[in-house]
Amino acid sequence: MTKQKFVQVVVTFLGAGLSPKAPGTVGTLAALPLVYLLTLTGPLLYMAAVVLLAILGMWASEQYEQLKGGHDHQEIVIDEVVGILITMTLVPLTWQSVLAGFILFRALDILKPFPIGTLDKKVRGGMGVMADDMAAGIIANILLQIVLVKTAWLGVQLSY
């Protein structure tokens, strides 16, 4: 596989970003099985995988931008993948938590409230592609953690 093809496979998350409609949402949905599989590895390996994917995503996004020109092309969805992984970090997997995490992350990613919008506008290159979605994931995770601690809304964890 050529470097260019590898970069495309990474940034489009195995082609999910090539969806003609809502590639960011498709990329986020495509990442949910990865969330489940990484949850099975335990929290330390889960978080290590998130860090490695974030670094790989920054590098690949930078390479893709150099190949294509411009910034944050819609087919780049590795940022959504890392964002939903961050959203679901240390959150018990239930249908309610996955649904809430998906909705929170996508809403924050689309609406880009402060500081997400600032990161989106000010940070360039591969880091800029990833930074706003990582921030959206962090904020969504904090909100999920609060709901998890204060309520029973997120249900009972799925057994593995």
N, C-alpha and C. Protein backbone atom coordinates (compact mmCIF):
# COMPACT_ATOMS: atom_id res chain seq x y z
N MET A 1 0.86 -1.19 0.00
CA MET A 1 0.00 0.00 0.00
C MET A 1 0.89 1.24 0.00
N THR A 2 0.56 2.16 -0.85
CA THR A 2 1.34 3.40 -0.93
C THR A 2 1.04 4.29 0.27
N LYS A 3 1.93 5.22 0.52
CA LYS A 3 1.70 6.17 1.62
C LYS A 3 0.41 6.95 1.39
N GLN A 4 0.19 7.38 0.16
CA GLN A 4 -1.01 8.16 -0.16
C GLN A 4 -2.28 7.35 0.12
N LYS A 5 -2.28 6.09 -0.26
CA LYS A 5 -3.45 5.23 -0.03
C LYS A 5 -3.64 4.99 1.48
N PHE A 6 -2.54 4.76 2.20
CA PHE A 6 -2.62 4.57 3.65
C PHE A 6 -3.23 5.79 4.33
N VAL A 7 -2.76 6.97 3.93
CA VAL A 7 -3.27 8.22 4.49
C VAL A 7 -4.77 8.33 4.22
N GLN A 8 -5.20 8.01 3.00
CA GLN A 8 -6.63 8.09 2.67
C GLN A 8 -7.45 7.11 3.49
N VAL A 9 -6.95 5.90 3.67
CA VAL A 9 -7.67 4.90 4.47
C VAL A 9 -7.82 5.37 5.91
N VAL A 10 -6.76 5.97 6.46
CA VAL A 10 -6.80 6.47 7.84
C VAL A 10 -7.78 7.63 7.97
N VAL A 11 -7.61 8.67 7.14
CA VAL A 11 -8.43 9.87 7.32
C VAL A 11 -9.91 9.63 7.03
N THR A 12 -10.20 8.70 6.12
CA THR A 12 -11.61 8.40 5.81
C THR A 12 -12.15 7.26 6.68
N PHE A 13 -11.37 6.78 7.61
CA PHE A 13 -11.70 5.65 8.49
C PHE A 13 -12.30 4.51 7.66
N LEU A 14 -11.42 3.94 6.85
CA LEU A 14 -11.75 2.79 6.00
C LEU A 14 -12.85 3.10 4.99
N GLY A 15 -12.95 4.37 4.60
CA GLY A 15 -13.92 4.77 3.59
C GLY A 15 -15.20 5.37 4.10
N ALA A 16 -15.42 5.38 5.41
CA ALA A 16 -16.66 5.94 5.97
C ALA A 16 -16.82 7.41 5.60
N GLY A 17 -15.72 8.13 5.51
CA GLY A 17 -15.76 9.55 5.18
C GLY A 17 -16.09 9.84 3.73
N LEU A 18 -16.15 8.80 2.92
CA LEU A 18 -16.49 8.99 1.51
C LEU A 18 -17.99 8.97 1.28
N SER A 19 -18.76 8.85 2.35
CA SER A 19 -20.22 8.88 2.25
C SER A 19 -20.65 10.21 1.62
N PRO A 20 -21.56 10.16 0.63
CA PRO A 20 -22.00 11.40 0.00
C PRO A 20 -22.88 12.27 0.90
N LYS A 21 -23.48 11.67 1.91
CA LYS A 21 -24.34 12.41 2.85
C LYS A 21 -23.77 12.27 4.25
N ALA A 22 -23.66 13.38 4.96
CA ALA A 22 -23.28 13.42 6.37
C ALA A 22 -22.07 12.54 6.71
N PRO A 23 -20.92 12.78 6.05
CA PRO A 23 -19.75 11.93 6.32
C PRO A 23 -19.29 11.96 7.78
N GLY A 24 -19.44 13.09 8.46
CA GLY A 24 -19.05 13.15 9.88
C GLY A 24 -19.91 12.25 10.74
N THR A 25 -21.19 12.24 10.47
CA THR A 25 -22.10 11.37 11.22
C THR A 25 -21.84 9.91 10.88
N VAL A 26 -21.61 9.62 9.60
CA VAL A 26 -21.31 8.25 9.18
C VAL A 26 -20.00 7.78 9.83
N GLY A 27 -19.00 8.65 9.86
CA GLY A 27 -17.73 8.30 10.49
C GLY A 27 -17.89 8.03 11.98
N THR A 28 -18.72 8.83 12.63
CA THR A 28 -18.98 8.63 14.07
C THR A 28 -19.68 7.29 14.29
N LEU A 29 -20.69 7.00 13.49
CA LEU A 29 -21.39 5.71 13.59
C LEU A 29 -20.45 4.54 13.31
N ALA A 30 -19.59 4.70 12.32
CA ALA A 30 -18.65 3.64 11.97
C ALA A 30 -17.67 3.35 13.10
N ALA A 31 -17.43 4.33 13.95
CA ALA A 31 -16.49 4.17 15.06
C ALA A 31 -17.10 3.44 16.25
N LEU A 32 -18.42 3.32 16.32
CA LEU A 32 -19.05 2.71 17.50
C LEU A 32 -18.62 1.26 17.74
N PRO A 33 -18.46 0.43 16.70
CA PRO A 33 -17.92 -0.91 16.98
C PRO A 33 -16.51 -0.87 17.58
N LEU A 34 -15.71 0.11 17.16
CA LEU A 34 -14.37 0.27 17.74
C LEU A 34 -14.46 0.66 19.21
N VAL A 35 -15.42 1.52 19.55
CA VAL A 35 -15.65 1.88 20.95
C VAL A 35 -15.91 0.60 21.76
N TYR A 36 -16.79 -0.23 21.26
CA TYR A 36 -17.13 -1.48 21.96
C TYR A 36 -15.90 -2.38 22.10
N LEU A 37 -15.18 -2.61 21.00
CA LEU A 37 -14.01 -3.49 21.03
C LEU A 37 -12.94 -2.97 21.97
N LEU A 38 -12.68 -1.68 21.94
CA LEU A 38 -11.66 -1.13 22.84
C LEU A 38 -12.10 -1.18 24.29
N THR A 39 -13.41 -1.07 24.54
CA THR A 39 -13.91 -1.18 25.91
C THR A 39 -13.57 -2.56 26.49
N LEU A 40 -13.57 -3.58 25.64
CA LEU A 40 -13.25 -4.94 26.08
C LEU A 40 -11.79 -5.08 26.53
N THR A 41 -10.92 -4.17 26.10
CA THR A 41 -9.50 -4.27 26.44
C THR A 41 -9.17 -3.70 27.81
N GLY A 42 -10.09 -2.95 28.39
CA GLY A 42 -9.84 -2.30 29.68
C GLY A 42 -9.47 -0.84 29.48
N PRO A 43 -9.56 -0.06 30.57
CA PRO A 43 -9.39 1.39 30.44
C PRO A 43 -8.00 1.85 30.00
N LEU A 44 -6.95 1.18 30.45
CA LEU A 44 -5.61 1.65 30.08
C LEU A 44 -5.32 1.44 28.60
N LEU A 45 -5.64 0.27 28.08
CA LEU A 45 -5.43 0.03 26.65
C LEU A 45 -6.37 0.88 25.81
N TYR A 46 -7.59 1.09 26.29
CA TYR A 46 -8.54 1.96 25.59
C TYR A 46 -7.94 3.35 25.43
N MET A 47 -7.47 3.92 26.54
CA MET A 47 -6.92 5.28 26.50
C MET A 47 -5.63 5.34 25.68
N ALA A 48 -4.80 4.29 25.76
CA ALA A 48 -3.58 4.26 24.94
C ALA A 48 -3.94 4.25 23.46
N ALA A 49 -4.96 3.48 23.09
CA ALA A 49 -5.41 3.43 21.70
C ALA A 49 -5.92 4.79 21.24
N VAL A 50 -6.63 5.49 22.12
CA VAL A 50 -7.14 6.83 21.78
C VAL A 50 -5.97 7.78 21.51
N VAL A 51 -4.96 7.76 22.36
CA VAL A 51 -3.79 8.63 22.18
C VAL A 51 -3.09 8.29 20.86
N LEU A 52 -2.88 7.00 20.59
CA LEU A 52 -2.21 6.60 19.36
C LEU A 52 -3.02 6.99 18.12
N LEU A 53 -4.34 6.79 18.17
CA LEU A 53 -5.20 7.18 17.05
C LEU A 53 -5.21 8.69 16.85
N ALA A 54 -5.16 9.44 17.94
CA ALA A 54 -5.12 10.90 17.84
C ALA A 54 -3.83 11.35 17.15
N ILE A 55 -2.71 10.75 17.53
CA ILE A 55 -1.42 11.09 16.91
C ILE A 55 -1.42 10.68 15.44
N LEU A 56 -1.88 9.47 15.15
CA LEU A 56 -1.98 9.00 13.77
C LEU A 56 -2.91 9.90 12.96
N GLY A 57 -4.03 10.31 13.57
CA GLY A 57 -4.98 11.18 12.90
C GLY A 57 -4.39 12.55 12.58
N MET A 58 -3.62 13.10 13.50
CA MET A 58 -2.97 14.39 13.24
C MET A 58 -1.99 14.28 12.07
N TRP A 59 -1.19 13.23 12.11
CA TRP A 59 -0.20 13.04 11.05
C TRP A 59 -0.90 12.82 9.70
N ALA A 60 -1.86 11.90 9.67
CA ALA A 60 -2.53 11.57 8.41
C ALA A 60 -3.32 12.77 7.87
N SER A 61 -3.96 13.52 8.76
CA SER A 61 -4.72 14.71 8.32
C SER A 61 -3.79 15.75 7.71
N GLU A 62 -2.63 15.93 8.34
CA GLU A 62 -1.63 16.86 7.81
C GLU A 62 -1.18 16.42 6.42
N GLN A 63 -0.89 15.13 6.28
CA GLN A 63 -0.47 14.59 4.98
C GLN A 63 -1.56 14.77 3.93
N TYR A 64 -2.80 14.49 4.31
CA TYR A 64 -3.93 14.58 3.38
C TYR A 64 -4.14 16.02 2.92
N GLU A 65 -4.02 16.96 3.84
CA GLU A 65 -4.16 18.37 3.48
C GLU A 65 -3.05 18.80 2.52
N GLN A 66 -1.85 18.29 2.72
CA GLN A 66 -0.75 18.62 1.80
C GLN A 66 -1.01 18.03 0.42
N LEU A 67 -1.59 16.84 0.37
CA LEU A 67 -1.90 16.20 -0.92
C LEU A 67 -3.03 16.91 -1.64
N LYS A 68 -4.07 17.27 -0.90
CA LYS A 68 -5.29 17.82 -1.50
C LYS A 68 -5.35 19.35 -1.50
N GLY A 69 -4.57 20.00 -0.64
CA GLY A 69 -4.70 21.44 -0.47
C GLY A 69 -5.94 21.75 0.36
N GLY A 70 -6.00 22.92 0.93
CA GLY A 70 -7.16 23.29 1.76
C GLY A 70 -7.05 22.75 3.17
N HIS A 71 -8.14 22.92 3.92
CA HIS A 71 -8.15 22.53 5.34
C HIS A 71 -9.43 21.78 5.69
N ASP A 72 -9.28 20.72 6.44
CA ASP A 72 -10.38 19.93 7.04
C ASP A 72 -11.45 19.54 6.02
N HIS A 73 -11.04 18.79 5.03
CA HIS A 73 -11.96 18.29 4.01
C HIS A 73 -13.04 17.43 4.66
N GLN A 74 -14.23 17.44 4.09
CA GLN A 74 -15.35 16.72 4.72
C GLN A 74 -15.13 15.22 4.76
N GLU A 75 -14.32 14.67 3.87
CA GLU A 75 -14.08 13.22 3.89
C GLU A 75 -13.15 12.79 5.02
N ILE A 76 -12.47 13.74 5.66
CA ILE A 76 -11.64 13.42 6.82
C ILE A 76 -12.57 13.19 8.02
N VAL A 77 -12.62 11.94 8.49
CA VAL A 77 -13.48 11.62 9.64
C VAL A 77 -12.72 10.96 10.79
N ILE A 78 -11.40 10.84 10.65
CA ILE A 78 -10.63 10.28 11.77
C ILE A 78 -10.79 11.16 13.01
N ASP A 79 -11.05 12.45 12.80
CA ASP A 79 -11.29 13.35 13.93
C ASP A 79 -12.58 12.99 14.65
N GLU A 80 -13.62 12.61 13.92
CA GLU A 80 -14.87 12.16 14.55
C GLU A 80 -14.67 10.84 15.28
N VAL A 81 -13.86 9.96 14.70
CA VAL A 81 -13.57 8.67 15.34
C VAL A 81 -12.92 8.90 16.70
N VAL A 82 -11.88 9.72 16.72
CA VAL A 82 -11.19 10.01 17.98
C VAL A 82 -12.12 10.76 18.93
N GLY A 83 -12.93 11.67 18.40
CA GLY A 83 -13.87 12.42 19.24
C GLY A 83 -14.87 11.53 19.95
N ILE A 84 -15.45 10.56 19.24
CA ILE A 84 -16.43 9.68 19.90
C ILE A 84 -15.73 8.72 20.86
N LEU A 85 -14.49 8.33 20.54
CA LEU A 85 -13.73 7.49 21.48
C LEU A 85 -13.47 8.26 22.78
N ILE A 86 -13.11 9.53 22.67
CA ILE A 86 -12.90 10.36 23.87
C ILE A 86 -14.22 10.51 24.61
N THR A 87 -15.30 10.75 23.88
CA THR A 87 -16.62 10.89 24.51
C THR A 87 -16.96 9.69 25.38
N MET A 88 -16.65 8.50 24.90
CA MET A 88 -17.06 7.27 25.60
C MET A 88 -16.01 6.73 26.57
N THR A 89 -14.90 7.45 26.75
CA THR A 89 -13.85 7.01 27.68
C THR A 89 -14.39 6.93 29.10
N LEU A 90 -14.21 5.78 29.72
CA LEU A 90 -14.62 5.51 31.11
C LEU A 90 -16.13 5.69 31.33
N VAL A 91 -16.90 5.50 30.28
CA VAL A 91 -18.36 5.54 30.38
C VAL A 91 -18.85 4.11 30.20
N PRO A 92 -19.63 3.57 31.16
CA PRO A 92 -20.15 2.22 30.98
C PRO A 92 -21.00 2.14 29.71
N LEU A 93 -20.83 1.06 28.95
CA LEU A 93 -21.58 0.93 27.71
C LEU A 93 -22.99 0.42 27.96
N THR A 94 -23.94 1.28 27.72
CA THR A 94 -25.35 0.93 27.72
C THR A 94 -25.93 1.55 26.46
N TRP A 95 -27.10 1.11 26.05
CA TRP A 95 -27.68 1.74 24.85
C TRP A 95 -27.94 3.21 25.12
N GLN A 96 -28.29 3.54 26.38
CA GLN A 96 -28.55 4.93 26.72
C GLN A 96 -27.28 5.79 26.66
N SER A 97 -26.16 5.23 27.18
CA SER A 97 -24.92 6.02 27.18
C SER A 97 -24.39 6.19 25.76
N VAL A 98 -24.49 5.16 24.94
CA VAL A 98 -24.03 5.27 23.56
C VAL A 98 -24.87 6.29 22.80
N LEU A 99 -26.19 6.23 22.97
CA LEU A 99 -27.07 7.19 22.31
C LEU A 99 -26.79 8.62 22.81
N ALA A 100 -26.69 8.78 24.13
CA ALA A 100 -26.42 10.11 24.69
C ALA A 100 -25.06 10.63 24.24
N GLY A 101 -24.06 9.76 24.26
CA GLY A 101 -22.72 10.15 23.83
C GLY A 101 -22.69 10.55 22.37
N PHE A 102 -23.37 9.77 21.53
CA PHE A 102 -23.43 10.07 20.10
C PHE A 102 -24.09 11.43 19.87
N ILE A 103 -25.25 11.65 20.50
CA ILE A 103 -25.99 12.90 20.31
C ILE A 103 -25.19 14.09 20.84
N LEU A 104 -24.64 13.95 22.05
CA LEU A 104 -23.85 15.05 22.63
C LEU A 104 -22.65 15.40 21.76
N PHE A 105 -21.91 14.37 21.36
CA PHE A 105 -20.71 14.62 20.56
C PHE A 105 -21.06 15.27 19.23
N ARG A 106 -22.05 14.71 18.52
CA ARG A 106 -22.40 15.28 17.21
C ARG A 106 -22.93 16.71 17.36
N ALA A 107 -23.73 16.96 18.39
CA ALA A 107 -24.25 18.32 18.59
C ALA A 107 -23.11 19.30 18.84
N LEU A 108 -22.18 18.94 19.70
CA LEU A 108 -21.04 19.82 19.99
C LEU A 108 -20.15 20.00 18.77
N ASP A 109 -19.97 18.94 18.00
CA ASP A 109 -19.14 19.01 16.81
C ASP A 109 -19.77 19.89 15.73
N ILE A 110 -21.08 19.82 15.60
CA ILE A 110 -21.78 20.60 14.58
C ILE A 110 -21.94 22.06 15.01
N LEU A 111 -22.38 22.27 16.25
CA LEU A 111 -22.66 23.64 16.73
C LEU A 111 -21.40 24.43 17.09
N LYS A 112 -20.37 23.72 17.50
CA LYS A 112 -19.07 24.31 17.84
C LYS A 112 -19.14 25.49 18.81
N PRO A 113 -19.72 25.27 20.00
CA PRO A 113 -19.70 26.34 21.00
C PRO A 113 -18.26 26.58 21.48
N PHE A 114 -18.04 27.72 22.16
CA PHE A 114 -16.73 28.02 22.72
C PHE A 114 -16.34 26.90 23.68
N PRO A 115 -15.15 26.43 23.68
CA PRO A 115 -13.96 26.80 22.93
C PRO A 115 -13.78 26.00 21.63
N ILE A 116 -14.73 25.12 21.31
CA ILE A 116 -14.60 24.25 20.15
C ILE A 116 -14.49 25.07 18.86
N GLY A 117 -15.34 26.05 18.70
CA GLY A 117 -15.32 26.89 17.51
C GLY A 117 -14.03 27.67 17.36
N THR A 118 -13.49 28.13 18.47
CA THR A 118 -12.23 28.87 18.44
C THR A 118 -11.10 27.96 17.95
N LEU A 119 -11.06 26.72 18.47
CA LEU A 119 -10.04 25.77 18.01
C LEU A 119 -10.20 25.50 16.52
N ASP A 120 -11.44 25.35 16.08
CA ASP A 120 -11.72 25.07 14.67
C ASP A 120 -11.21 26.19 13.77
N LYS A 121 -11.36 27.42 14.22
CA LYS A 121 -10.97 28.58 13.39
C LYS A 121 -9.48 28.93 13.49
N LYS A 122 -8.88 28.72 14.65
CA LYS A 122 -7.53 29.24 14.90
C LYS A 122 -6.41 28.23 14.67
N VAL A 123 -6.68 26.93 14.88
CA VAL A 123 -5.61 25.94 14.79
C VAL A 123 -5.62 25.32 13.39
N ARG A 124 -4.49 25.28 12.76
CA ARG A 124 -4.36 24.80 11.38
C ARG A 124 -3.63 23.46 11.32
N GLY A 125 -3.60 22.89 10.15
CA GLY A 125 -2.88 21.64 9.92
C GLY A 125 -3.59 20.45 10.53
N GLY A 126 -2.86 19.37 10.67
CA GLY A 126 -3.42 18.14 11.21
C GLY A 126 -3.94 18.31 12.63
N MET A 127 -3.24 19.11 13.43
CA MET A 127 -3.69 19.39 14.79
C MET A 127 -5.02 20.14 14.76
N GLY A 128 -5.17 21.05 13.83
CA GLY A 128 -6.41 21.81 13.70
C GLY A 128 -7.59 20.94 13.31
N VAL A 129 -7.33 19.97 12.43
CA VAL A 129 -8.39 19.04 12.03
C VAL A 129 -8.90 18.28 13.26
N MET A 130 -7.97 17.86 14.10
CA MET A 130 -8.31 16.99 15.23
C MET A 130 -8.78 17.76 16.47
N ALA A 131 -8.26 18.96 16.70
CA ALA A 131 -8.43 19.66 17.98
C ALA A 131 -9.88 19.93 18.33
N ASP A 132 -10.69 20.41 17.39
CA ASP A 132 -12.07 20.75 17.73
C ASP A 132 -12.89 19.51 18.08
N ASP A 133 -12.64 18.39 17.38
CA ASP A 133 -13.38 17.17 17.70
C ASP A 133 -12.90 16.56 19.02
N MET A 134 -11.62 16.69 19.31
CA MET A 134 -11.11 16.20 20.59
C MET A 134 -11.72 17.02 21.73
N ALA A 135 -11.82 18.34 21.54
CA ALA A 135 -12.44 19.19 22.55
C ALA A 135 -13.92 18.84 22.72
N ALA A 136 -14.61 18.60 21.61
CA ALA A 136 -16.03 18.20 21.68
C ALA A 136 -16.16 16.88 22.44
N GLY A 137 -15.23 15.96 22.20
CA GLY A 137 -15.24 14.68 22.91
C GLY A 137 -15.01 14.85 24.40
N ILE A 138 -14.08 15.72 24.76
CA ILE A 138 -13.80 15.97 26.19
C ILE A 138 -15.02 16.57 26.88
N ILE A 139 -15.63 17.57 26.24
CA ILE A 139 -16.80 18.21 26.85
C ILE A 139 -17.96 17.22 26.94
N ALA A 140 -18.19 16.45 25.89
CA ALA A 140 -19.27 15.45 25.91
C ALA A 140 -19.00 14.41 27.01
N ASN A 141 -17.74 14.00 27.18
CA ASN A 141 -17.41 13.03 28.22
C ASN A 141 -17.67 13.59 29.61
N ILE A 142 -17.29 14.85 29.83
CA ILE A 142 -17.54 15.48 31.13
C ILE A 142 -19.04 15.50 31.42
N LEU A 143 -19.83 15.87 30.43
CA LEU A 143 -21.29 15.90 30.61
C LEU A 143 -21.83 14.50 30.91
N LEU A 144 -21.34 13.49 30.19
CA LEU A 144 -21.77 12.11 30.46
C LEU A 144 -21.37 11.66 31.86
N GLN A 145 -20.15 12.04 32.28
CA GLN A 145 -19.70 11.66 33.63
C GLN A 145 -20.60 12.28 34.71
N ILE A 146 -21.00 13.52 34.50
CA ILE A 146 -21.90 14.18 35.46
C ILE A 146 -23.23 13.45 35.51
N VAL A 147 -23.79 13.16 34.34
CA VAL A 147 -25.07 12.44 34.28
C VAL A 147 -24.93 11.06 34.92
N LEU A 148 -23.82 10.39 34.67
CA LEU A 148 -23.57 9.05 35.22
C LEU A 148 -23.54 9.07 36.75
N VAL A 149 -22.89 10.06 37.31
CA VAL A 149 -22.74 10.15 38.77
C VAL A 149 -24.04 10.62 39.44
N LYS A 150 -24.74 11.54 38.80
CA LYS A 150 -25.89 12.18 39.44
C LYS A 150 -27.24 11.52 39.18
N THR A 151 -27.31 10.63 38.15
CA THR A 151 -28.61 10.04 37.79
C THR A 151 -28.45 8.56 37.44
N ALA A 152 -29.55 7.93 37.16
CA ALA A 152 -29.54 6.55 36.64
C ALA A 152 -29.97 6.54 35.17
N TRP A 153 -29.90 7.69 34.53
CA TRP A 153 -30.38 7.83 33.15
C TRP A 153 -29.61 7.00 32.14
N LEU A 154 -28.36 6.68 32.43
CA LEU A 154 -27.55 5.97 31.45
C LEU A 154 -27.67 4.46 31.53
N GLY A 155 -28.56 3.96 32.38
CA GLY A 155 -28.90 2.55 32.38
C GLY A 155 -27.87 1.64 33.01
N VAL A 156 -28.07 0.35 32.78
CA VAL A 156 -27.22 -0.71 33.33
C VAL A 156 -26.24 -1.13 32.26
N GLN A 157 -24.98 -1.31 32.65
CA GLN A 157 -23.93 -1.64 31.69
C GLN A 157 -24.21 -2.97 31.01
N LEU A 158 -23.91 -3.01 29.69
CA LEU A 158 -24.01 -4.24 28.93
C LEU A 158 -22.96 -5.21 29.43
N SER A 159 -23.30 -6.49 29.52
CA SER A 159 -22.30 -7.47 29.95
C SER A 159 -21.53 -7.98 28.74
N TYR A 160 -20.28 -8.36 28.96
CA TYR A 160 -19.45 -8.83 27.85
C TYR A 160 -19.22 -10.32 28.01
